[in-house]
Structure formats: structure tokens, C-alpha cells
Amino acid sequence: MKPAPPFAIKNIRLFIAFRVFFNSRFYYPVFTILFLDYGLSIEQFALLNTVWAITIVCCEVPSGALADLLGRKRLLILTSVLMIVELSVIAFVPITSITIVFWAFLINRILSGLAEAMASGADEAIAYDSLVKEGNPSHWPKVLSVQMRVKSLMGILSMTVGAMLYDPDVVNKLLSFFGTTATVSQQTSMRFPVYLTLVLGFFSLWATTSMKEVSEKENTGAQDISMTTVWQAGKVTWQAGLWIMATPFAM
């Protein structure tokens, strides 16, 4: 049978879609200002993002163990769910207490770091296996090239839109252009980039739930979700975390 063109394969298209939806963050251009406008200090901003970086480092190896136990598709679905939860926390947190805001952003940074670690490699593995099975593996560099270009283009677009919508003056001019007298304040407009990224989280969830496992090993190895599976996943994750802490090279 003649190999299918790479972009005629559903998993390849979903792989690119997931990369775009997961990585296009409307709030990136105003990342630091966003934290400060929520009332956090620059010291708290630095602390929170240190926690984010440490979470990624500590969860990178354990996420591979989870992929072996749960299956790559399930891991990607969980990644998308974490993205939705982490964005929901800061999208809807009330700015009534700096303590509440700090804890909301701490949860956000931990879940974000965990999602980044879990997304690493699993989507590429599913896409590549699909290309091997249905197409020509030699087309993989072309797939990665197109993925990078589309992701970069959408990244620029999302950051431009996010920066514009963060500014209440721009938003109010848009509202006036469309004939409404309503106005928004900075406390309202600063959440718009987060809301839009949250929407992309749901698109990311759609992309991952639409993927299909193609590896025979993965199909037979992934277990049904149960308390035993959860316990095994937690045990392996804990062991991998201890190995990282006890291994100077990994640290």
C-alpha cells in the first residue's frame, strides 16, 4: 500500500494542533506585569517562577514513567486538563487578599511546570509512530519543520493579540468602535489574555482526546485506570523523584 502523505495522517495534524494550542500563550508578552498587577511583589514573582522551573526538572523523568504506565495519549489528556486547571486558578481568583492570590499563583506555577514536563515527548512519539505505520518516516523532518513554523506564527499572533487586549485603552477603543459605551478597567482587561489562553486549553484537550495510539507496545502496555494503576504510577513517580534527588548528575 502506498504510504500516505504526512499531513493526511490524522495524528500528525493533531500533533501540530496540540503544539499550537498548548504553547500559544496570550499572556506571555505581559507575563511579569501580569503578576505585579495581581498585587504580587517582584520577589514573589521570582520565587514562583523558581518553583515552576524546579517542578519541571523534578517531573521530567517521572513523567516518562507515567507514560509507560498510563499510556501516552492518557498522559497528554492529563496534560491538557492540567493546563485548563492552572489557567482557571488565576483567571478567576478574586483579588481580595494577597495571600489568596499568592497561593493561587503557586498552584498555577506547580501545575504549569508539571504540564510542561508531562507534555515533553509524548506527543512527538504518537505522531512519529503514526508516520511509521501510515506514511514514510523520512518525512518526519518536514513534519517538525512545518510544526515549528506554524507554532511560531501562532505564537507571534497570540502574543500580539494578548498584549493589545491587556491594555484597557485599546479594549475601550475597540468597544467604542463597535458602538458600545461600556468601558473596562485594568483590573478587568488584565485577565483577557488569561481567558483566551484558557480557551486554547480546551482546544488542546480536544486535540489530545482525538489522538489515537498506534504503537502495539503502547496499546498492550497501557493499563486500565484503577486504584492499582494510580498506586503504581505514584510509586514509580516517587522512586524516579528519589533517584533524581540522589543522583548528582541528574540534579
Protein backbone atom coordinates (compact mmCIF):
# COMPACT_ATOMS: atom_id res chain seq x y z
CA MET A 1 0.00 0.00 0.00
CA LYS A 2 1.28 3.45 -0.95
CA PRO A 3 2.36 5.50 2.11
CA ALA A 4 0.02 8.35 2.99
CA PRO A 5 1.28 11.95 2.73
CA PRO A 6 2.36 13.08 6.21
CA PHE A 7 -0.33 15.73 6.66
CA ALA A 8 -3.07 13.37 5.52
CA ILE A 9 -2.47 11.39 8.74
CA LYS A 10 -4.85 12.48 11.48
CA ASN A 11 -2.39 12.08 14.34
CA ILE A 12 0.13 14.30 12.54
CA ARG A 13 -2.44 17.07 12.21
CA LEU A 14 -3.50 16.67 15.83
CA PHE A 15 0.14 16.71 16.95
CA ILE A 16 0.63 20.10 15.28
CA ALA A 17 -2.69 21.35 16.67
CA PHE A 18 -1.74 20.30 20.20
CA ARG A 19 1.64 22.02 19.95
CA VAL A 20 -0.05 25.21 18.76
CA PHE A 21 -2.82 25.22 21.37
CA PHE A 22 -0.56 24.22 24.26
CA ASN A 23 2.24 26.69 23.51
CA SER A 24 0.36 29.75 22.26
CA ARG A 25 0.09 31.82 25.43
CA PHE A 26 -1.64 35.18 25.04
CA TYR A 27 -0.22 36.46 28.33
CA TYR A 28 3.47 35.86 27.55
CA PRO A 29 4.23 39.48 26.44
CA VAL A 30 2.86 40.81 29.75
CA PHE A 31 4.00 37.88 31.88
CA THR A 32 5.87 39.84 34.55
CA ILE A 33 3.45 42.77 34.57
CA LEU A 34 0.54 40.34 34.96
CA PHE A 35 1.94 39.00 38.23
CA LEU A 36 2.58 42.50 39.54
CA ASP A 37 -0.87 43.80 38.56
CA TYR A 38 -2.42 40.97 40.55
CA GLY A 39 -0.65 42.52 43.55
CA LEU A 40 2.40 40.26 43.83
CA SER A 41 5.86 41.66 44.52
CA ILE A 42 8.87 41.16 42.28
CA GLU A 43 10.35 38.87 44.96
CA GLN A 44 7.23 36.71 44.92
CA PHE A 45 7.36 36.66 41.11
CA ALA A 46 10.93 35.35 41.22
CA LEU A 47 10.07 32.76 43.88
CA LEU A 48 7.04 31.49 41.96
CA ASN A 49 8.96 31.01 38.74
CA THR A 50 11.79 29.28 40.59
CA VAL A 51 9.17 26.82 41.85
CA TRP A 52 7.95 26.42 38.26
CA ALA A 53 11.46 25.61 36.99
CA ILE A 54 12.16 23.16 39.82
CA THR A 55 8.84 21.40 39.17
CA ILE A 56 9.78 20.86 35.50
CA VAL A 57 13.21 19.46 36.40
CA CYS A 58 11.87 17.13 39.09
CA CYS A 59 8.95 15.84 37.00
CA GLU A 60 10.72 15.33 33.65
CA VAL A 61 11.90 11.77 34.40
CA PRO A 62 8.83 10.68 36.43
CA SER A 63 6.57 11.79 33.56
CA GLY A 64 8.24 9.16 31.37
CA ALA A 65 7.38 6.52 33.97
CA LEU A 66 3.77 7.71 33.95
CA ALA A 67 3.68 7.43 30.16
CA ASP A 68 4.78 3.79 30.42
CA LEU A 69 2.06 3.00 32.97
CA LEU A 70 -0.85 5.10 31.74
CA GLY A 71 -0.12 5.34 28.02
CA ARG A 72 0.99 8.39 26.06
CA LYS A 73 -2.47 9.52 24.99
CA ARG A 74 -3.75 9.47 28.57
CA LEU A 75 -0.70 11.40 29.68
CA LEU A 76 -1.38 14.08 27.05
CA ILE A 77 -5.03 14.27 28.06
CA LEU A 78 -3.92 14.75 31.66
CA THR A 79 -1.52 17.46 30.45
CA SER A 80 -4.38 19.34 28.79
CA VAL A 81 -6.52 19.02 31.92
CA LEU A 82 -3.68 20.45 34.00
CA MET A 83 -3.41 23.36 31.57
CA ILE A 84 -7.12 24.10 32.00
CA VAL A 85 -6.92 23.90 35.79
CA GLU A 86 -3.76 26.01 36.11
CA LEU A 87 -5.25 28.77 33.96
CA SER A 88 -8.65 28.62 35.67
CA VAL A 89 -7.00 29.20 39.03
CA ILE A 90 -5.55 32.58 38.06
CA ALA A 91 -8.34 33.51 35.63
CA PHE A 92 -10.99 33.51 38.35
CA VAL A 93 -9.07 34.13 41.59
CA PRO A 94 -10.56 37.12 43.45
CA ILE A 95 -8.10 39.91 44.20
CA THR A 96 -9.31 40.36 47.77
CA SER A 97 -6.27 39.07 49.62
CA ILE A 98 -2.64 38.98 48.56
CA THR A 99 -2.31 35.66 50.41
CA ILE A 100 -5.07 34.09 48.31
CA VAL A 101 -3.52 35.49 45.13
CA PHE A 102 -0.07 34.17 46.06
CA TRP A 103 -1.38 30.66 46.76
CA ALA A 104 -3.38 30.72 43.52
CA PHE A 105 -0.26 31.59 41.54
CA LEU A 106 1.76 28.99 43.45
CA ILE A 107 -0.75 26.32 42.41
CA ASN A 108 -0.62 27.72 38.87
CA ARG A 109 3.18 27.51 38.70
CA ILE A 110 3.31 23.95 40.06
CA LEU A 111 0.59 22.69 37.69
CA SER A 112 2.15 24.57 34.78
CA GLY A 113 5.56 23.03 35.44
CA LEU A 114 4.00 19.59 35.76
CA ALA A 115 2.11 20.04 32.48
CA GLU A 116 5.29 21.19 30.70
CA ALA A 117 7.18 18.11 31.91
CA MET A 118 4.37 15.71 31.01
CA ALA A 119 3.94 17.15 27.52
CA SER A 120 7.60 16.63 26.72
CA GLY A 121 7.99 13.97 24.02
CA ALA A 122 4.73 12.02 24.34
CA ASP A 123 3.03 13.93 21.51
CA GLU A 124 6.04 13.50 19.23
CA ALA A 125 6.13 9.77 19.96
CA ILE A 126 2.49 9.29 18.95
CA ALA A 127 2.94 11.38 15.79
CA TYR A 128 6.13 9.58 14.75
CA ASP A 129 4.62 6.12 15.33
CA SER A 130 1.66 7.17 13.16
CA LEU A 131 4.03 8.28 10.42
CA VAL A 132 5.92 4.97 10.58
CA LYS A 133 2.68 2.98 10.36
CA GLU A 134 0.75 5.00 7.78
CA GLY A 135 3.33 7.07 5.93
CA ASN A 136 7.05 7.46 5.32
CA PRO A 137 9.35 8.05 8.35
CA SER A 138 11.72 10.05 6.15
CA HIS A 139 9.06 12.80 6.12
CA TRP A 140 9.49 13.37 9.88
CA PRO A 141 11.90 16.36 9.49
CA LYS A 142 9.31 18.00 7.23
CA VAL A 143 6.60 17.44 9.86
CA LEU A 144 8.79 19.03 12.55
CA SER A 145 9.65 21.93 10.26
CA VAL A 146 6.01 22.70 9.50
CA GLN A 147 5.12 22.28 13.18
CA MET A 148 7.78 24.79 14.22
CA ARG A 149 6.71 27.34 11.61
CA VAL A 150 3.01 27.08 12.45
CA LYS A 151 3.71 27.20 16.19
CA SER A 152 5.96 30.25 15.78
CA LEU A 153 3.42 32.06 13.60
CA MET A 154 0.58 31.39 16.03
CA GLY A 155 2.84 32.34 18.93
CA ILE A 156 3.51 35.75 17.39
CA LEU A 157 -0.19 36.23 16.63
CA SER A 158 -1.34 35.20 20.13
CA MET A 159 1.25 37.38 21.87
CA THR A 160 0.33 40.40 19.73
CA VAL A 161 -3.38 39.98 20.46
CA GLY A 162 -2.69 39.31 24.14
CA ALA A 163 -0.58 42.45 24.53
CA MET A 164 -3.28 44.55 22.87
CA LEU A 165 -6.15 43.16 24.94
CA TYR A 166 -4.16 43.62 28.15
CA ASP A 167 -4.28 47.39 27.60
CA PRO A 168 -7.65 48.82 28.73
CA ASP A 169 -7.25 51.82 26.41
CA VAL A 170 -7.07 49.52 23.38
CA VAL A 171 -10.03 47.47 24.59
CA ASN A 172 -12.12 50.60 25.23
CA LYS A 173 -11.31 51.95 21.76
CA LEU A 174 -12.44 48.62 20.27
CA LEU A 175 -15.65 48.77 22.29
CA SER A 176 -16.25 52.34 21.12
CA PHE A 177 -15.56 51.32 17.51
CA PHE A 178 -18.32 48.70 17.75
CA GLY A 179 -20.76 51.30 19.09
CA THR A 180 -20.93 50.46 22.78
CA THR A 181 -20.43 52.88 25.66
CA ALA A 182 -19.18 50.15 28.02
CA THR A 183 -15.67 50.54 29.36
CA VAL A 184 -13.25 48.22 31.16
CA SER A 185 -10.57 48.90 33.76
CA GLN A 186 -7.06 47.46 34.04
CA GLN A 187 -8.31 45.01 36.68
CA THR A 188 -10.68 43.58 34.06
CA SER A 189 -8.60 43.74 30.88
CA MET A 190 -5.56 42.15 32.51
CA ARG A 191 -7.48 38.86 32.67
CA PHE A 192 -8.41 38.80 28.97
CA PRO A 193 -5.12 37.18 27.80
CA VAL A 194 -5.57 34.52 30.50
CA TYR A 195 -9.16 33.86 29.41
CA LEU A 196 -8.09 33.41 25.79
CA THR A 197 -5.30 31.02 26.79
CA LEU A 198 -7.84 29.08 28.86
CA VAL A 199 -9.94 28.67 25.71
CA LEU A 200 -6.87 27.21 23.97
CA GLY A 201 -6.62 24.76 26.88
CA PHE A 202 -9.98 23.30 25.89
CA PHE A 203 -8.86 23.09 22.26
CA SER A 204 -5.74 21.30 23.50
CA LEU A 205 -7.96 18.83 25.35
CA TRP A 206 -9.95 18.25 22.15
CA ALA A 207 -6.74 17.56 20.21
CA THR A 208 -5.41 15.05 22.74
CA THR A 209 -8.71 13.19 23.16
CA SER A 210 -8.93 12.90 19.37
CA MET A 211 -5.50 11.27 19.07
CA LYS A 212 -5.17 7.54 18.59
CA GLU A 213 -2.47 5.27 19.99
CA VAL A 214 -0.77 3.34 17.21
CA SER A 215 2.12 1.54 18.88
CA GLU A 216 1.42 -2.10 19.60
CA LYS A 217 3.62 -1.92 22.65
CA GLU A 218 1.76 1.11 23.92
CA ASN A 219 -1.64 -0.43 23.28
CA THR A 220 -0.86 -3.61 25.14
CA GLY A 221 1.20 -1.94 27.85
CA ALA A 222 -1.22 0.78 28.93
CA GLN A 223 -3.39 -0.40 31.79
CA ASP A 224 -6.99 0.44 32.59
CA ILE A 225 -7.26 3.29 35.07
CA SER A 226 -7.89 1.88 38.56
CA MET A 227 -6.71 2.44 42.11
CA THR A 228 -3.99 -0.15 41.49
CA THR A 229 -2.79 1.74 38.40
CA VAL A 230 -2.84 5.06 40.26
CA TRP A 231 -0.87 3.48 43.13
CA GLN A 232 1.69 2.00 40.70
CA ALA A 233 2.04 5.32 38.89
CA GLY A 234 2.53 7.17 42.17
CA LYS A 235 5.07 4.60 43.37
CA VAL A 236 7.14 4.75 40.18
CA THR A 237 6.94 8.55 40.14
CA TRP A 238 8.14 8.71 43.74
CA GLN A 239 11.01 6.31 43.03
CA ALA A 240 12.06 8.34 39.99
CA GLY A 241 11.95 11.53 42.05
CA LEU A 242 14.13 9.97 44.74
CA TRP A 243 16.60 8.83 42.07
CA ILE A 244 16.86 12.40 40.77
CA MET A 245 17.49 13.75 44.27
CA ALA A 246 20.14 11.09 44.99
CA THR A 247 21.96 11.33 41.64
CA PRO A 248 24.37 14.31 41.38
CA PHE A 249 24.45 14.19 37.57
CA ALA A 250 20.63 14.35 37.32
CA MET A 251 20.47 17.17 39.87
